[in-house]
Amino acid sequence: MTTIAIIGAGPGLGVAVARRFGREGFDVALVTHTTERAQTLSAELAGEGLTVRGFAADVRDPKALEAALDAATATLGPIEVMQYSPVPQREFMRPVLETTPADLVGPIEFSVYGPVAAVHQVLPGMRALGRGTILFVNGGTAAVPHPDRAGTSLAFAAESAYGHLLHGALADEGIHVAQLVIPGAISPGHPRKDPAVLAETIWNIHQDRHGYRHFADDLDS
């Protein structure tokens, strides 16, 4: 079996996805913002019997992200599945009339430069394997822009467009590109947005390999 790299892994969705894919025999690379979080989460999952390693990188720093993914490949082997799901920073969510060009630098680095850097780093390995899955996880503003969250609305739209272009460009190579839109907050105990339920949804997207955009829940929920 090969490796899943979870970029922006946290104690909720990231850990749940690691467990779900780990049960299927995948090795797990957790890419987090800090070394401390990477070590804490990887130790927790390793204690459950998973083969897992943690790597630190700021997704707004393409070189750091590339280095983390390169280290993950060197340590665990080819990355067959890449999930890009870091949580946007609160300062990205400003009202549209208060949003300046400077306010958009962070969101674009986060949701465009980061995904592009990550894809370019994992694509050669997927092509060598002859298969792969690239999954972008976004909030509801990826589908319906919100006037009080201009930064993420604009940047998620760009990330969505990039993913959609990849979906068409890579389909003939056996590499499936998809997006999961999660409206509202990830909520333990929720029938559709509990982390374990979302992890199962992500596993099914990887297995079924149909369509680009998927919704975890209704947009008005």
Protein backbone atom coordinates (compact mmCIF):
# COMPACT_ATOMS: atom_id res chain seq x y z
CA MET A 1 0.00 0.00 0.00
CA THR A 2 1.05 3.61 -0.47
CA THR A 3 0.65 6.88 1.41
CA ILE A 4 -2.01 9.48 2.08
CA ALA A 5 -0.72 12.99 2.80
CA ILE A 6 -3.12 15.15 4.81
CA ILE A 7 -2.15 18.81 4.52
CA GLY A 8 -3.53 20.92 7.33
CA ALA A 9 -4.15 17.91 9.55
CA GLY A 10 -5.79 18.62 12.89
CA PRO A 11 -7.34 16.65 15.74
CA GLY A 12 -10.78 16.55 14.07
CA LEU A 13 -11.08 15.80 10.37
CA GLY A 14 -7.39 15.14 9.77
CA VAL A 15 -7.13 12.47 12.46
CA ALA A 16 -10.44 10.91 11.37
CA VAL A 17 -9.27 10.64 7.76
CA ALA A 18 -5.93 9.22 8.90
CA ARG A 19 -7.75 6.53 10.86
CA ARG A 20 -10.08 5.69 7.97
CA PHE A 21 -7.34 5.34 5.38
CA GLY A 22 -5.02 3.69 7.90
CA ARG A 23 -7.60 0.93 8.36
CA GLU A 24 -7.28 0.26 4.65
CA GLY A 25 -3.52 -0.14 4.93
CA PHE A 26 -2.37 3.33 3.93
CA ASP A 27 0.66 4.89 5.56
CA VAL A 28 -0.13 8.42 6.72
CA ALA A 29 1.81 11.68 6.38
CA LEU A 30 0.42 14.48 8.52
CA VAL A 31 1.47 17.96 7.40
CA THR A 32 0.70 20.55 10.07
CA HIS A 33 1.60 24.15 10.78
CA THR A 34 3.88 23.35 13.73
CA THR A 35 6.31 20.58 14.64
CA GLU A 36 4.61 20.22 18.04
CA ARG A 37 1.22 19.47 16.50
CA ALA A 38 2.77 17.09 13.97
CA GLN A 39 4.48 15.16 16.75
CA THR A 40 1.41 15.08 19.01
CA LEU A 41 -1.00 13.84 16.35
CA SER A 42 1.40 11.32 14.85
CA ALA A 43 2.18 9.89 18.30
CA GLU A 44 -1.54 9.50 19.01
CA LEU A 45 -2.17 7.63 15.77
CA ALA A 46 0.99 5.56 16.01
CA GLY A 47 -0.28 4.42 19.41
CA GLU A 48 -3.33 3.03 17.60
CA GLY A 49 -1.14 0.95 15.31
CA LEU A 50 -0.98 3.21 12.24
CA THR A 51 2.19 3.83 10.29
CA VAL A 52 2.29 7.61 10.49
CA ARG A 53 4.80 10.44 10.38
CA GLY A 54 4.36 14.13 11.05
CA PHE A 55 5.87 17.00 9.07
CA ALA A 56 5.68 20.75 9.69
CA ALA A 57 5.08 23.37 7.00
CA ASP A 58 3.28 26.66 6.57
CA VAL A 59 1.03 26.19 3.53
CA ARG A 60 1.62 29.87 2.66
CA ASP A 61 5.30 29.02 2.10
CA PRO A 62 5.49 26.91 -1.10
CA LYS A 63 9.11 25.91 -0.55
CA ALA A 64 8.40 24.68 2.98
CA LEU A 65 5.36 22.73 1.77
CA GLU A 66 7.33 21.17 -1.06
CA ALA A 67 10.08 20.17 1.39
CA ALA A 68 7.57 18.58 3.78
CA LEU A 69 5.98 16.53 0.99
CA ASP A 70 9.40 15.54 -0.33
CA ALA A 71 10.36 14.36 3.15
CA ALA A 72 7.08 12.45 3.45
CA THR A 73 7.75 10.65 0.17
CA ALA A 74 11.32 9.84 1.18
CA THR A 75 10.15 8.51 4.56
CA LEU A 76 6.93 6.67 3.69
CA GLY A 77 6.99 6.13 -0.06
CA PRO A 78 4.88 7.42 -2.95
CA ILE A 79 1.90 9.62 -2.11
CA GLU A 80 -1.18 8.11 -3.76
CA VAL A 81 -3.75 10.35 -2.04
CA MET A 82 -3.35 14.02 -1.14
CA GLN A 83 -5.92 15.89 0.90
CA TYR A 84 -5.57 19.67 1.09
CA SER A 85 -7.67 20.82 4.04
CA PRO A 86 -6.01 23.47 6.22
CA VAL A 87 -8.39 25.68 8.20
CA PRO A 88 -8.38 29.30 6.97
CA GLN A 89 -7.21 32.00 9.34
CA ARG A 90 -9.86 34.21 10.89
CA GLU A 91 -8.33 37.39 9.47
CA PHE A 92 -9.10 36.13 5.95
CA MET A 93 -12.80 36.67 6.64
CA ARG A 94 -13.43 40.39 6.32
CA PRO A 95 -16.49 42.15 4.87
CA VAL A 96 -16.14 42.73 1.16
CA LEU A 97 -16.27 46.54 1.38
CA GLU A 98 -13.48 46.52 3.97
CA THR A 99 -11.24 44.15 2.01
CA THR A 100 -8.17 45.74 0.45
CA PRO A 101 -5.65 44.25 -1.97
CA ALA A 102 -3.32 43.62 0.96
CA ASP A 103 -6.05 41.65 2.72
CA LEU A 104 -6.17 39.19 -0.18
CA VAL A 105 -2.50 38.23 -0.12
CA GLY A 106 -2.91 35.73 2.72
CA PRO A 107 -6.02 34.00 1.37
CA ILE A 108 -4.50 33.64 -2.11
CA GLU A 109 -1.25 32.26 -0.72
CA PHE A 110 -3.28 29.87 1.44
CA SER A 111 -5.82 28.65 -1.11
CA VAL A 112 -4.02 29.02 -4.45
CA TYR A 113 -0.23 29.00 -4.06
CA GLY A 114 -0.36 26.24 -1.45
CA PRO A 115 -2.53 23.85 -3.47
CA VAL A 116 -0.55 24.48 -6.66
CA ALA A 117 2.75 23.81 -4.89
CA ALA A 118 1.38 20.65 -3.29
CA VAL A 119 -0.03 19.28 -6.53
CA HIS A 120 3.21 19.83 -8.42
CA GLN A 121 5.10 18.03 -5.68
CA VAL A 122 2.91 14.90 -5.53
CA LEU A 123 2.00 14.58 -9.21
CA PRO A 124 5.22 12.85 -10.39
CA GLY A 125 4.75 10.09 -7.82
CA MET A 126 1.10 9.60 -8.76
CA ARG A 127 2.04 9.40 -12.42
CA ALA A 128 4.68 6.80 -11.62
CA LEU A 129 2.07 4.77 -9.73
CA GLY A 130 -0.43 5.20 -12.55
CA ARG A 131 -3.12 6.30 -10.10
CA GLY A 132 -3.91 8.90 -7.48
CA THR A 133 -6.50 11.04 -5.74
CA ILE A 134 -6.23 14.77 -5.07
CA LEU A 135 -8.93 16.15 -2.80
CA PHE A 136 -9.58 19.77 -1.89
CA VAL A 137 -11.72 20.35 1.22
CA ASN A 138 -13.38 23.76 1.48
CA GLY A 139 -16.07 25.59 3.39
CA GLY A 140 -19.41 26.67 1.97
CA THR A 141 -18.06 29.94 0.57
CA ALA A 142 -16.34 27.86 -2.11
CA ALA A 143 -19.80 27.37 -3.62
CA VAL A 144 -21.72 30.44 -2.41
CA PRO A 145 -19.67 33.59 -1.65
CA HIS A 146 -20.46 35.41 1.60
CA PRO A 147 -20.21 39.22 1.83
CA ASP A 148 -18.69 39.04 5.31
CA ARG A 149 -16.03 36.50 4.29
CA ALA A 150 -14.58 38.08 1.19
CA GLY A 151 -11.07 36.64 1.47
CA THR A 152 -12.11 33.01 1.65
CA SER A 153 -14.93 33.54 -0.84
CA LEU A 154 -12.52 34.82 -3.47
CA ALA A 155 -9.65 32.45 -2.69
CA PHE A 156 -11.85 29.34 -2.41
CA ALA A 157 -13.38 30.22 -5.78
CA ALA A 158 -9.90 30.27 -7.30
CA GLU A 159 -8.97 27.00 -5.58
CA SER A 160 -12.23 25.46 -6.83
CA ALA A 161 -11.47 26.53 -10.39
CA TYR A 162 -7.93 25.12 -10.18
CA GLY A 163 -9.23 21.80 -8.91
CA HIS A 164 -11.89 21.65 -11.62
CA LEU A 165 -9.27 22.25 -14.29
CA LEU A 166 -7.11 19.48 -12.83
CA HIS A 167 -10.12 17.16 -12.73
CA GLY A 168 -10.39 17.32 -16.50
CA ALA A 169 -6.68 17.46 -17.26
CA LEU A 170 -5.70 14.41 -15.18
CA ALA A 171 -8.67 12.09 -15.63
CA ASP A 172 -7.09 10.13 -18.48
CA GLU A 173 -4.04 9.44 -16.31
CA GLY A 174 -6.02 7.65 -13.61
CA ILE A 175 -5.68 10.58 -11.21
CA HIS A 176 -9.00 11.65 -9.72
CA VAL A 177 -9.34 15.25 -8.56
CA ALA A 178 -12.33 16.18 -6.40
CA GLN A 179 -13.59 18.82 -4.01
CA LEU A 180 -15.60 18.31 -0.83
CA VAL A 181 -17.54 21.37 0.32
CA ILE A 182 -18.42 21.32 4.02
CA PRO A 183 -21.00 24.04 4.78
CA GLY A 184 -20.74 25.40 8.32
CA ALA A 185 -18.68 23.86 11.08
CA ILE A 186 -17.44 20.30 11.40
CA SER A 187 -19.52 19.06 14.32
CA PRO A 188 -18.95 15.93 16.42
CA GLY A 189 -22.21 14.00 16.62
CA HIS A 190 -23.69 15.63 13.52
CA PRO A 191 -25.18 12.99 11.17
CA ARG A 192 -23.28 14.33 8.14
CA LYS A 193 -20.53 16.57 9.54
CA ASP A 194 -19.09 14.46 12.33
CA PRO A 195 -15.36 13.95 11.57
CA ALA A 196 -15.73 10.16 11.27
CA VAL A 197 -18.71 10.56 8.92
CA LEU A 198 -16.77 13.04 6.78
CA ALA A 199 -13.81 10.66 6.72
CA GLU A 200 -16.10 7.97 5.36
CA THR A 201 -17.36 10.42 2.73
CA ILE A 202 -13.77 11.15 1.72
CA TRP A 203 -12.98 7.44 1.52
CA ASN A 204 -16.00 6.96 -0.75
CA ILE A 205 -14.92 9.84 -3.00
CA HIS A 206 -11.52 8.16 -3.33
CA GLN A 207 -13.11 4.81 -4.10
CA ASP A 208 -15.99 5.88 -6.35
CA ARG A 209 -14.01 8.39 -8.43
CA HIS A 210 -17.07 10.10 -9.91
CA GLY A 211 -17.59 13.85 -10.37
CA TYR A 212 -15.67 16.84 -9.15
CA ARG A 213 -17.70 18.73 -6.53
CA HIS A 214 -19.31 16.95 -3.59
CA PHE A 215 -21.28 18.41 -0.69
CA ALA A 216 -21.07 17.12 2.86
CA ASP A 217 -24.38 18.77 3.77
CA ASP A 218 -26.98 21.18 2.43
CA LEU A 219 -25.65 24.68 1.89
CA ASP A 220 -28.29 26.29 4.09
CA SER A 221 -27.56 24.05 7.07
